Amino acid sequence: MTSNVCARLTRGVLRVLASRNVTPVTRPLASCWIHLRCVQHTRVMRYERGVLRNFSSSSQPSTDVSYEQLKKLLVSRSVVVIDVREPWELREYGNIPGSINVPLAQVNGALQLSPEEFKEKYGGNMPLQSQSIVFSCLAGIRSKTALETAVSLGYTNVLNYPGGWKDWAEHEIIQTKE
């Protein structure tokens, strides 16, 4: 592929990806590949000869927290747990003690409220942007989306409990039997 064709391809790819909230990290034209970082999903991708491939970067810290880690954070009172399930799910299945229920569809707006409005609407203290927040749901899918929303709003210390309520309940049942 000539350098001119490669340059046009690169510009076209960057234009399309820019419309999808993806920014370039590196883009050497001679080898015709581009490293990209998806800003919204903090995932690194490589575009090479017409194919976009995802690959993980070992330099990115994990945002997942285990049951044991979450338990320690709750005991130390150094974290705000936000459960992003619908209220009926909490009534039906239960919730992690001390968690605040903010349904996923409301996370973006909730994290932009004033602390007083947040407390009035959700019954808990609004987390600061630098405070540790753990998002939880039923099985870790919605909580990952909530984490991405919080990061896009400037929250810097956010974690995901991928096991969600299912994992929590399973561990709690095991502990009560022991």
N, C-alpha and C. Protein backbone atom coordinates (compact mmCIF):
# COMPACT_ATOMS: atom_id res chain seq x y z
N MET A 1 0.85 -1.18 0.00
CA MET A 1 0.00 0.00 0.00
C MET A 1 0.90 1.24 0.00
N THR A 2 0.64 2.18 -0.87
CA THR A 2 1.47 3.38 -0.92
C THR A 2 1.15 4.28 0.24
N SER A 3 2.09 5.16 0.50
CA SER A 3 1.95 6.07 1.64
C SER A 3 0.73 6.98 1.48
N ASN A 4 0.44 7.42 0.25
CA ASN A 4 -0.68 8.30 -0.01
C ASN A 4 -2.01 7.58 0.28
N VAL A 5 -2.14 6.35 -0.20
CA VAL A 5 -3.35 5.57 0.06
C VAL A 5 -3.50 5.31 1.55
N CYS A 6 -2.38 4.98 2.19
CA CYS A 6 -2.38 4.72 3.62
C CYS A 6 -2.83 5.97 4.39
N ALA A 7 -2.34 7.12 3.98
CA ALA A 7 -2.71 8.37 4.65
C ALA A 7 -4.20 8.64 4.50
N ARG A 8 -4.76 8.41 3.29
CA ARG A 8 -6.19 8.62 3.08
C ARG A 8 -7.02 7.63 3.93
N LEU A 9 -6.57 6.39 3.97
CA LEU A 9 -7.24 5.38 4.78
C LEU A 9 -7.22 5.78 6.25
N THR A 10 -6.08 6.22 6.71
CA THR A 10 -5.94 6.64 8.11
C THR A 10 -6.87 7.80 8.42
N ARG A 11 -6.89 8.82 7.56
CA ARG A 11 -7.78 9.96 7.79
C ARG A 11 -9.24 9.54 7.82
N GLY A 12 -9.62 8.63 6.91
CA GLY A 12 -11.00 8.14 6.87
C GLY A 12 -11.37 7.38 8.13
N VAL A 13 -10.47 6.50 8.55
CA VAL A 13 -10.72 5.73 9.77
C VAL A 13 -10.83 6.66 10.97
N LEU A 14 -9.93 7.63 11.06
CA LEU A 14 -9.96 8.55 12.20
C LEU A 14 -11.23 9.39 12.21
N ARG A 15 -11.72 9.78 11.03
CA ARG A 15 -12.96 10.55 10.95
C ARG A 15 -14.13 9.72 11.48
N VAL A 16 -14.22 8.47 11.04
CA VAL A 16 -15.30 7.61 11.49
C VAL A 16 -15.20 7.36 12.99
N LEU A 17 -14.01 7.07 13.46
CA LEU A 17 -13.83 6.75 14.87
C LEU A 17 -14.04 7.98 15.75
N ALA A 18 -13.69 9.14 15.27
CA ALA A 18 -13.90 10.36 16.04
C ALA A 18 -15.39 10.56 16.29
N SER A 19 -16.22 10.18 15.34
CA SER A 19 -17.66 10.31 15.52
C SER A 19 -18.19 9.30 16.54
N ARG A 20 -17.36 8.30 16.88
CA ARG A 20 -17.75 7.29 17.85
C ARG A 20 -17.00 7.44 19.17
N ASN A 21 -16.44 8.62 19.42
CA ASN A 21 -15.75 8.92 20.68
C ASN A 21 -14.48 8.08 20.87
N VAL A 22 -13.74 7.85 19.80
CA VAL A 22 -12.49 7.10 19.85
C VAL A 22 -11.37 8.02 19.42
N THR A 23 -10.28 8.07 20.18
CA THR A 23 -9.17 8.95 19.84
C THR A 23 -7.92 8.15 19.53
N PRO A 24 -7.08 8.65 18.62
CA PRO A 24 -5.86 7.92 18.27
C PRO A 24 -4.81 8.02 19.36
N VAL A 25 -4.05 6.96 19.53
CA VAL A 25 -2.91 6.97 20.43
C VAL A 25 -1.64 7.08 19.59
N THR A 26 -1.49 6.21 18.61
CA THR A 26 -0.36 6.23 17.70
C THR A 26 -0.86 5.90 16.31
N ARG A 27 -0.21 6.40 15.29
CA ARG A 27 -0.63 6.05 13.95
C ARG A 27 0.51 6.15 12.93
N PRO A 28 1.46 5.26 12.98
CA PRO A 28 2.51 5.29 11.98
C PRO A 28 1.96 4.91 10.62
N LEU A 29 2.16 5.77 9.63
CA LEU A 29 1.61 5.53 8.31
C LEU A 29 2.41 4.50 7.52
N ALA A 30 3.70 4.42 7.73
CA ALA A 30 4.53 3.53 6.94
C ALA A 30 4.09 2.07 7.08
N SER A 31 3.72 1.65 8.27
CA SER A 31 3.31 0.26 8.45
C SER A 31 1.80 0.10 8.33
N CYS A 32 1.09 1.19 8.10
CA CYS A 32 -0.35 1.17 7.88
C CYS A 32 -1.12 0.53 9.03
N TRP A 33 -0.85 0.94 10.24
CA TRP A 33 -1.67 0.53 11.37
C TRP A 33 -1.84 1.70 12.31
N ILE A 34 -2.88 1.64 13.08
CA ILE A 34 -3.22 2.72 13.99
C ILE A 34 -3.56 2.12 15.33
N HIS A 35 -2.99 2.65 16.39
CA HIS A 35 -3.45 2.27 17.73
C HIS A 35 -4.50 3.28 18.12
N LEU A 36 -5.56 2.80 18.71
CA LEU A 36 -6.66 3.68 19.08
C LEU A 36 -7.06 3.41 20.52
N ARG A 37 -7.54 4.42 21.18
CA ARG A 37 -8.07 4.24 22.52
C ARG A 37 -9.52 4.71 22.50
N CYS A 38 -10.42 3.83 22.90
CA CYS A 38 -11.83 4.19 22.98
C CYS A 38 -12.02 4.93 24.31
N VAL A 39 -12.28 6.20 24.23
CA VAL A 39 -12.38 7.04 25.42
C VAL A 39 -13.50 6.57 26.33
N GLN A 40 -14.64 6.24 25.75
CA GLN A 40 -15.79 5.86 26.56
C GLN A 40 -15.59 4.52 27.24
N HIS A 41 -14.94 3.57 26.58
CA HIS A 41 -14.82 2.23 27.14
C HIS A 41 -13.41 1.90 27.61
N THR A 42 -12.49 2.86 27.58
CA THR A 42 -11.10 2.69 27.99
C THR A 42 -10.51 1.37 27.51
N ARG A 43 -10.73 1.09 26.25
CA ARG A 43 -10.20 -0.14 25.67
C ARG A 43 -9.26 0.25 24.55
N VAL A 44 -8.21 -0.49 24.39
CA VAL A 44 -7.22 -0.19 23.35
C VAL A 44 -7.50 -1.09 22.16
N MET A 45 -7.42 -0.50 20.97
CA MET A 45 -7.69 -1.25 19.75
C MET A 45 -6.56 -1.01 18.76
N ARG A 46 -6.43 -1.89 17.81
CA ARG A 46 -5.44 -1.72 16.76
C ARG A 46 -6.14 -1.91 15.42
N TYR A 47 -5.99 -0.92 14.55
CA TYR A 47 -6.56 -0.98 13.21
C TYR A 47 -5.43 -1.36 12.28
N GLU A 48 -5.59 -2.46 11.58
CA GLU A 48 -4.52 -2.93 10.71
C GLU A 48 -5.13 -3.52 9.44
N ARG A 49 -4.77 -2.94 8.31
CA ARG A 49 -5.22 -3.44 7.00
C ARG A 49 -6.72 -3.70 6.96
N GLY A 50 -7.50 -2.74 7.38
CA GLY A 50 -8.94 -2.84 7.28
C GLY A 50 -9.64 -3.61 8.39
N VAL A 51 -8.90 -4.07 9.40
CA VAL A 51 -9.50 -4.84 10.49
C VAL A 51 -9.22 -4.13 11.80
N LEU A 52 -10.24 -3.94 12.59
CA LEU A 52 -10.11 -3.32 13.90
C LEU A 52 -10.08 -4.43 14.94
N ARG A 53 -8.98 -4.54 15.70
CA ARG A 53 -8.83 -5.60 16.68
C ARG A 53 -8.72 -5.00 18.08
N ASN A 54 -9.40 -5.62 19.03
CA ASN A 54 -9.26 -5.24 20.44
C ASN A 54 -8.10 -5.99 21.04
N PHE A 55 -7.37 -5.35 21.91
CA PHE A 55 -6.38 -6.06 22.70
C PHE A 55 -6.26 -5.36 24.03
N SER A 56 -5.94 -6.14 25.05
CA SER A 56 -5.87 -5.56 26.39
C SER A 56 -4.49 -4.98 26.61
N SER A 57 -4.46 -3.94 27.40
CA SER A 57 -3.20 -3.29 27.74
C SER A 57 -2.88 -3.60 29.19
N SER A 58 -1.73 -4.16 29.44
CA SER A 58 -1.37 -4.51 30.81
C SER A 58 -1.12 -3.29 31.67
N SER A 59 -0.97 -2.12 31.05
CA SER A 59 -0.72 -0.92 31.83
C SER A 59 -2.01 -0.37 32.46
N GLN A 60 -3.17 -0.85 32.00
CA GLN A 60 -4.42 -0.37 32.56
C GLN A 60 -4.76 -1.17 33.82
N PRO A 61 -4.98 -0.49 34.93
CA PRO A 61 -5.31 -1.23 36.15
C PRO A 61 -6.71 -1.83 36.04
N SER A 62 -6.91 -2.94 36.72
CA SER A 62 -8.22 -3.59 36.72
C SER A 62 -9.19 -2.75 37.54
N THR A 63 -10.41 -2.68 37.05
CA THR A 63 -11.44 -1.95 37.78
C THR A 63 -12.38 -2.90 38.52
N ASP A 64 -12.10 -4.20 38.44
CA ASP A 64 -12.96 -5.19 39.09
C ASP A 64 -12.57 -5.39 40.54
N VAL A 65 -13.57 -5.61 41.37
CA VAL A 65 -13.35 -5.87 42.78
C VAL A 65 -14.03 -7.20 43.12
N SER A 66 -13.39 -8.00 43.93
CA SER A 66 -13.94 -9.30 44.33
C SER A 66 -14.84 -9.14 45.55
N TYR A 67 -15.53 -10.21 45.89
CA TYR A 67 -16.38 -10.22 47.08
C TYR A 67 -15.57 -9.88 48.32
N GLU A 68 -14.41 -10.52 48.47
CA GLU A 68 -13.57 -10.30 49.64
C GLU A 68 -13.09 -8.85 49.72
N GLN A 69 -12.69 -8.30 48.58
CA GLN A 69 -12.23 -6.90 48.55
C GLN A 69 -13.38 -5.96 48.90
N LEU A 70 -14.55 -6.22 48.35
CA LEU A 70 -15.70 -5.37 48.64
C LEU A 70 -16.07 -5.43 50.12
N LYS A 71 -16.03 -6.62 50.69
CA LYS A 71 -16.32 -6.79 52.11
C LYS A 71 -15.38 -5.93 52.96
N LYS A 72 -14.07 -5.96 52.63
CA LYS A 72 -13.08 -5.16 53.37
C LYS A 72 -13.35 -3.67 53.21
N LEU A 73 -13.69 -3.25 52.00
CA LEU A 73 -13.99 -1.83 51.77
C LEU A 73 -15.22 -1.39 52.56
N LEU A 74 -16.22 -2.25 52.63
CA LEU A 74 -17.43 -1.91 53.39
C LEU A 74 -17.14 -1.82 54.88
N VAL A 75 -16.33 -2.72 55.39
CA VAL A 75 -15.98 -2.71 56.82
C VAL A 75 -15.21 -1.43 57.15
N SER A 76 -14.30 -1.03 56.26
CA SER A 76 -13.50 0.18 56.50
C SER A 76 -14.27 1.47 56.23
N ARG A 77 -15.46 1.34 55.69
CA ARG A 77 -16.30 2.49 55.34
C ARG A 77 -15.59 3.48 54.41
N SER A 78 -14.76 2.93 53.52
CA SER A 78 -13.99 3.79 52.62
C SER A 78 -14.54 3.76 51.20
N VAL A 79 -15.79 3.33 51.03
CA VAL A 79 -16.35 3.19 49.70
C VAL A 79 -17.84 3.49 49.71
N VAL A 80 -18.34 3.96 48.58
CA VAL A 80 -19.77 4.11 48.36
C VAL A 80 -20.16 3.03 47.36
N VAL A 81 -21.12 2.19 47.73
CA VAL A 81 -21.59 1.15 46.82
C VAL A 81 -22.90 1.64 46.19
N ILE A 82 -22.92 1.68 44.87
CA ILE A 82 -24.11 2.09 44.15
C ILE A 82 -24.64 0.89 43.37
N ASP A 83 -25.84 0.48 43.70
CA ASP A 83 -26.51 -0.64 43.03
C ASP A 83 -27.36 -0.05 41.91
N VAL A 84 -27.10 -0.46 40.67
CA VAL A 84 -27.77 0.16 39.53
C VAL A 84 -28.97 -0.65 39.02
N ARG A 85 -29.44 -1.60 39.83
CA ARG A 85 -30.63 -2.36 39.43
C ARG A 85 -31.88 -1.51 39.65
N GLU A 86 -32.98 -1.97 39.11
CA GLU A 86 -34.27 -1.30 39.30
C GLU A 86 -34.76 -1.55 40.72
N PRO A 87 -35.52 -0.63 41.31
CA PRO A 87 -36.00 -0.80 42.68
C PRO A 87 -36.75 -2.12 42.92
N TRP A 88 -37.53 -2.56 41.95
CA TRP A 88 -38.26 -3.82 42.13
C TRP A 88 -37.31 -5.01 42.28
N GLU A 89 -36.14 -4.94 41.63
CA GLU A 89 -35.17 -6.03 41.76
C GLU A 89 -34.62 -6.10 43.18
N LEU A 90 -34.39 -4.96 43.78
CA LEU A 90 -33.90 -4.94 45.16
C LEU A 90 -34.95 -5.49 46.11
N ARG A 91 -36.22 -5.11 45.89
CA ARG A 91 -37.30 -5.62 46.73
C ARG A 91 -37.44 -7.14 46.58
N GLU A 92 -37.30 -7.61 45.36
CA GLU A 92 -37.49 -9.04 45.08
C GLU A 92 -36.32 -9.91 45.54
N TYR A 93 -35.10 -9.45 45.29
CA TYR A 93 -33.92 -10.29 45.54
C TYR A 93 -33.10 -9.88 46.76
N GLY A 94 -33.08 -8.60 47.07
CA GLY A 94 -32.26 -8.10 48.17
C GLY A 94 -31.17 -7.19 47.66
N ASN A 95 -30.38 -6.67 48.60
CA ASN A 95 -29.31 -5.75 48.21
C ASN A 95 -28.13 -5.85 49.17
N ILE A 96 -27.01 -5.34 48.73
CA ILE A 96 -25.81 -5.30 49.56
C ILE A 96 -26.05 -4.26 50.66
N PRO A 97 -25.88 -4.63 51.92
CA PRO A 97 -26.13 -3.68 53.02
C PRO A 97 -25.30 -2.40 52.84
N GLY A 98 -25.99 -1.27 52.98
CA GLY A 98 -25.33 0.02 52.88
C GLY A 98 -25.23 0.58 51.47
N SER A 99 -25.71 -0.18 50.49
CA SER A 99 -25.63 0.31 49.11
C SER A 99 -26.73 1.33 48.85
N ILE A 100 -26.47 2.18 47.87
CA ILE A 100 -27.43 3.19 47.44
C ILE A 100 -27.99 2.75 46.10
N ASN A 101 -29.29 2.77 45.95
CA ASN A 101 -29.91 2.36 44.69
C ASN A 101 -30.08 3.55 43.76
N VAL A 102 -29.35 3.51 42.63
CA VAL A 102 -29.49 4.49 41.57
C VAL A 102 -29.64 3.67 40.28
N PRO A 103 -30.87 3.52 39.76
CA PRO A 103 -31.05 2.73 38.55
C PRO A 103 -30.15 3.21 37.42
N LEU A 104 -29.69 2.27 36.61
CA LEU A 104 -28.72 2.57 35.55
C LEU A 104 -29.13 3.76 34.69
N ALA A 105 -30.39 3.82 34.32
CA ALA A 105 -30.86 4.91 33.46
C ALA A 105 -30.73 6.28 34.12
N GLN A 106 -30.57 6.31 35.45
CA GLN A 106 -30.48 7.57 36.18
C GLN A 106 -29.07 7.93 36.62
N VAL A 107 -28.10 7.05 36.39
CA VAL A 107 -26.74 7.26 36.90
C VAL A 107 -26.14 8.56 36.38
N ASN A 108 -26.24 8.81 35.09
CA ASN A 108 -25.65 10.02 34.51
C ASN A 108 -26.20 11.28 35.17
N GLY A 109 -27.50 11.37 35.28
CA GLY A 109 -28.12 12.53 35.90
C GLY A 109 -27.85 12.61 37.39
N ALA A 110 -27.88 11.46 38.05
CA ALA A 110 -27.68 11.43 39.51
C ALA A 110 -26.30 11.94 39.90
N LEU A 111 -25.28 11.57 39.14
CA LEU A 111 -23.91 11.98 39.47
C LEU A 111 -23.64 13.44 39.12
N GLN A 112 -24.63 14.11 38.56
CA GLN A 112 -24.50 15.53 38.25
C GLN A 112 -25.39 16.39 39.14
N LEU A 113 -26.11 15.77 40.06
CA LEU A 113 -26.95 16.52 40.99
C LEU A 113 -26.10 17.20 42.06
N SER A 114 -26.70 18.11 42.77
CA SER A 114 -26.03 18.68 43.94
C SER A 114 -26.08 17.62 45.04
N PRO A 115 -25.17 17.67 46.01
CA PRO A 115 -25.20 16.68 47.10
C PRO A 115 -26.54 16.63 47.83
N GLU A 116 -27.18 17.77 48.00
CA GLU A 116 -28.46 17.81 48.69
C GLU A 116 -29.55 17.11 47.88
N GLU A 117 -29.58 17.39 46.57
CA GLU A 117 -30.58 16.75 45.71
C GLU A 117 -30.35 15.24 45.64
N PHE A 118 -29.08 14.83 45.56
CA PHE A 118 -28.74 13.41 45.51
C PHE A 118 -29.24 12.71 46.77
N LYS A 119 -28.94 13.31 47.93
CA LYS A 119 -29.34 12.69 49.21
C LYS A 119 -30.85 12.60 49.32
N GLU A 120 -31.55 13.65 48.90
CA GLU A 120 -33.00 13.67 48.97
C GLU A 120 -33.61 12.60 48.06
N LYS A 121 -33.07 12.46 46.85
CA LYS A 121 -33.65 11.54 45.87
C LYS A 121 -33.25 10.08 46.10
N TYR A 122 -32.00 9.83 46.53
CA TYR A 122 -31.49 8.46 46.62
C TYR A 122 -31.21 7.99 48.06
N GLY A 123 -31.35 8.87 49.03
CA GLY A 123 -31.24 8.46 50.42
C GLY A 123 -29.83 8.18 50.93
N GLY A 124 -28.83 8.64 50.23
CA GLY A 124 -27.45 8.44 50.66
C GLY A 124 -26.59 9.62 50.26
N ASN A 125 -25.40 9.69 50.83
CA ASN A 125 -24.51 10.79 50.49
C ASN A 125 -23.93 10.62 49.09
N MET A 126 -23.92 11.71 48.35
CA MET A 126 -23.37 11.69 47.00
C MET A 126 -21.87 11.51 47.08
N PRO A 127 -21.31 10.59 46.31
CA PRO A 127 -19.86 10.40 46.34
C PRO A 127 -19.13 11.59 45.69
N LEU A 128 -17.98 11.91 46.25
CA LEU A 128 -17.12 12.93 45.65
C LEU A 128 -16.43 12.33 44.44
N GLN A 129 -15.94 13.18 43.53
CA GLN A 129 -15.31 12.65 42.31
C GLN A 129 -14.05 11.85 42.59
N SER A 130 -13.40 12.10 43.72
CA SER A 130 -12.18 11.35 44.05
C SER A 130 -12.44 10.19 45.02
N GLN A 131 -13.67 10.07 45.49
CA GLN A 131 -14.02 9.04 46.46
C GLN A 131 -14.17 7.68 45.77
N SER A 132 -13.87 6.61 46.50
CA SER A 132 -14.03 5.25 45.97
C SER A 132 -15.51 4.92 45.81
N ILE A 133 -15.86 4.47 44.60
CA ILE A 133 -17.24 4.06 44.30
C ILE A 133 -17.17 2.66 43.71
N VAL A 134 -18.02 1.78 44.18
CA VAL A 134 -18.16 0.46 43.58
C VAL A 134 -19.57 0.35 43.02
N PHE A 135 -19.65 0.04 41.74
CA PHE A 135 -20.95 -0.16 41.10
C PHE A 135 -21.28 -1.64 41.11
N SER A 136 -22.54 -1.94 41.40
CA SER A 136 -23.00 -3.32 41.46
C SER A 136 -24.35 -3.42 40.77
N CYS A 137 -24.66 -4.62 40.27
CA CYS A 137 -25.98 -4.89 39.70
C CYS A 137 -26.30 -6.35 39.98
N LEU A 138 -26.98 -7.02 39.10
CA LEU A 138 -27.31 -8.42 39.33
C LEU A 138 -26.14 -9.33 39.00
N ALA A 139 -25.51 -9.09 37.84
CA ALA A 139 -24.44 -9.99 37.40
C ALA A 139 -23.25 -9.27 36.77
N GLY A 140 -23.13 -7.96 36.92
CA GLY A 140 -21.94 -7.25 36.48
C GLY A 140 -21.99 -6.57 35.13
N ILE A 141 -23.07 -6.67 34.41
CA ILE A 141 -23.16 -6.06 33.09
C ILE A 141 -23.53 -4.58 33.21
N ARG A 142 -24.63 -4.29 33.87
CA ARG A 142 -25.07 -2.90 34.02
C ARG A 142 -24.10 -2.08 34.85
N SER A 143 -23.46 -2.73 35.83
CA SER A 143 -22.52 -1.99 36.68
C SER A 143 -21.30 -1.54 35.88
N LYS A 144 -20.89 -2.30 34.89
CA LYS A 144 -19.77 -1.91 34.03
C LYS A 144 -20.14 -0.67 33.22
N THR A 145 -21.37 -0.63 32.74
CA THR A 145 -21.86 0.54 32.00
C THR A 145 -21.90 1.76 32.91
N ALA A 146 -22.34 1.57 34.16
CA ALA A 146 -22.39 2.68 35.12
C ALA A 146 -20.99 3.19 35.41
N LEU A 147 -20.03 2.28 35.53
CA LEU A 147 -18.63 2.66 35.77
C LEU A 147 -18.14 3.55 34.62
N GLU A 148 -18.42 3.14 33.39
CA GLU A 148 -18.00 3.94 32.23
C GLU A 148 -18.64 5.32 32.23
N THR A 149 -19.89 5.39 32.66
CA THR A 149 -20.58 6.68 32.76
C THR A 149 -19.90 7.56 33.79
N ALA A 150 -19.58 7.00 34.95
CA ALA A 150 -18.93 7.77 36.01
C ALA A 150 -17.56 8.28 35.57
N VAL A 151 -16.81 7.43 34.88
CA VAL A 151 -15.49 7.84 34.38
C VAL A 151 -15.65 8.99 33.40
N SER A 152 -16.65 8.93 32.53
CA SER A 152 -16.87 10.00 31.55
C SER A 152 -17.26 11.32 32.23
N LEU A 153 -17.78 11.23 33.46
CA LEU A 153 -18.15 12.43 34.21
C LEU A 153 -17.03 12.94 35.11
N GLY A 154 -15.88 12.28 35.06
CA GLY A 154 -14.72 12.77 35.82
C GLY A 154 -14.44 12.04 37.12
N TYR A 155 -15.19 11.01 37.44
CA TYR A 155 -14.92 10.23 38.65
C TYR A 155 -13.67 9.39 38.41
N THR A 156 -12.75 9.42 39.35
CA THR A 156 -11.44 8.82 39.13
C THR A 156 -11.19 7.51 39.86
N ASN A 157 -11.95 7.21 40.88
CA ASN A 157 -11.69 6.01 41.67
C ASN A 157 -12.93 5.12 41.68
N VAL A 158 -13.27 4.59 40.50
CA VAL A 158 -14.48 3.79 40.37
C VAL A 158 -14.13 2.33 40.11
N LEU A 159 -14.92 1.46 40.71
CA LEU A 159 -14.70 0.02 40.60
C LEU A 159 -16.00 -0.66 40.22
N ASN A 160 -15.87 -1.87 39.69
CA ASN A 160 -17.02 -2.67 39.30
C ASN A 160 -17.00 -3.98 40.08
N TYR A 161 -18.14 -4.34 40.63
CA TYR A 161 -18.27 -5.64 41.28
C TYR A 161 -18.93 -6.57 40.26
N PRO A 162 -18.12 -7.29 39.47
CA PRO A 162 -18.66 -8.07 38.35
C PRO A 162 -19.56 -9.23 38.78
N GLY A 163 -19.39 -9.73 39.99
CA GLY A 163 -20.25 -10.81 40.45
C GLY A 163 -21.65 -10.34 40.77
N GLY A 164 -21.77 -9.08 41.15
CA GLY A 164 -23.06 -8.49 41.45
C GLY A 164 -23.80 -9.18 42.59
N TRP A 165 -25.09 -8.95 42.63
CA TRP A 165 -25.91 -9.49 43.70
C TRP A 165 -25.86 -11.01 43.76
N LYS A 166 -25.79 -11.66 42.61
CA LYS A 166 -25.74 -13.13 42.59
C LYS A 166 -24.53 -13.64 43.37
N ASP A 167 -23.37 -13.06 43.11
CA ASP A 167 -22.14 -13.47 43.79
C ASP A 167 -22.21 -13.13 45.28
N TRP A 168 -22.70 -11.94 45.59
CA TRP A 168 -22.81 -11.50 46.99
C TRP A 168 -23.70 -12.46 47.77
N ALA A 169 -24.88 -12.75 47.24
CA ALA A 169 -25.83 -13.63 47.94
C ALA A 169 -25.25 -15.02 48.12
N GLU A 170 -24.58 -15.52 47.11
CA GLU A 170 -23.96 -16.85 47.19
C GLU A 170 -22.92 -16.91 48.31
N HIS A 171 -22.06 -15.89 48.38
CA HIS A 171 -21.05 -15.84 49.44
C HIS A 171 -21.67 -15.68 50.83
N GLU A 172 -22.70 -14.88 50.91
CA GLU A 172 -23.35 -14.64 52.20
C GLU A 172 -24.04 -15.92 52.70
N ILE A 173 -24.65 -16.68 51.80
CA ILE A 173 -25.29 -17.93 52.18
C ILE A 173 -24.24 -18.93 52.70
N ILE A 174 -23.13 -18.99 52.00
CA ILE A 174 -22.04 -19.90 52.42
C ILE A 174 -21.53 -19.50 53.80
N GLN A 175 -21.37 -18.21 54.06
CA GLN A 175 -20.85 -17.76 55.35
C GLN A 175 -21.83 -18.04 56.48
N THR A 176 -23.12 -17.94 56.23
CA THR A 176 -24.08 -18.19 57.29
C THR A 176 -24.17 -19.68 57.63
N LYS A 177 -23.83 -20.53 56.67
CA LYS A 177 -23.83 -21.97 56.93
C LYS A 177 -22.61 -22.41 57.73
N GLU A 178 -21.54 -21.63 57.67
CA GLU A 178 -20.31 -22.02 58.38
C GLU A 178 -20.33 -21.71 59.82
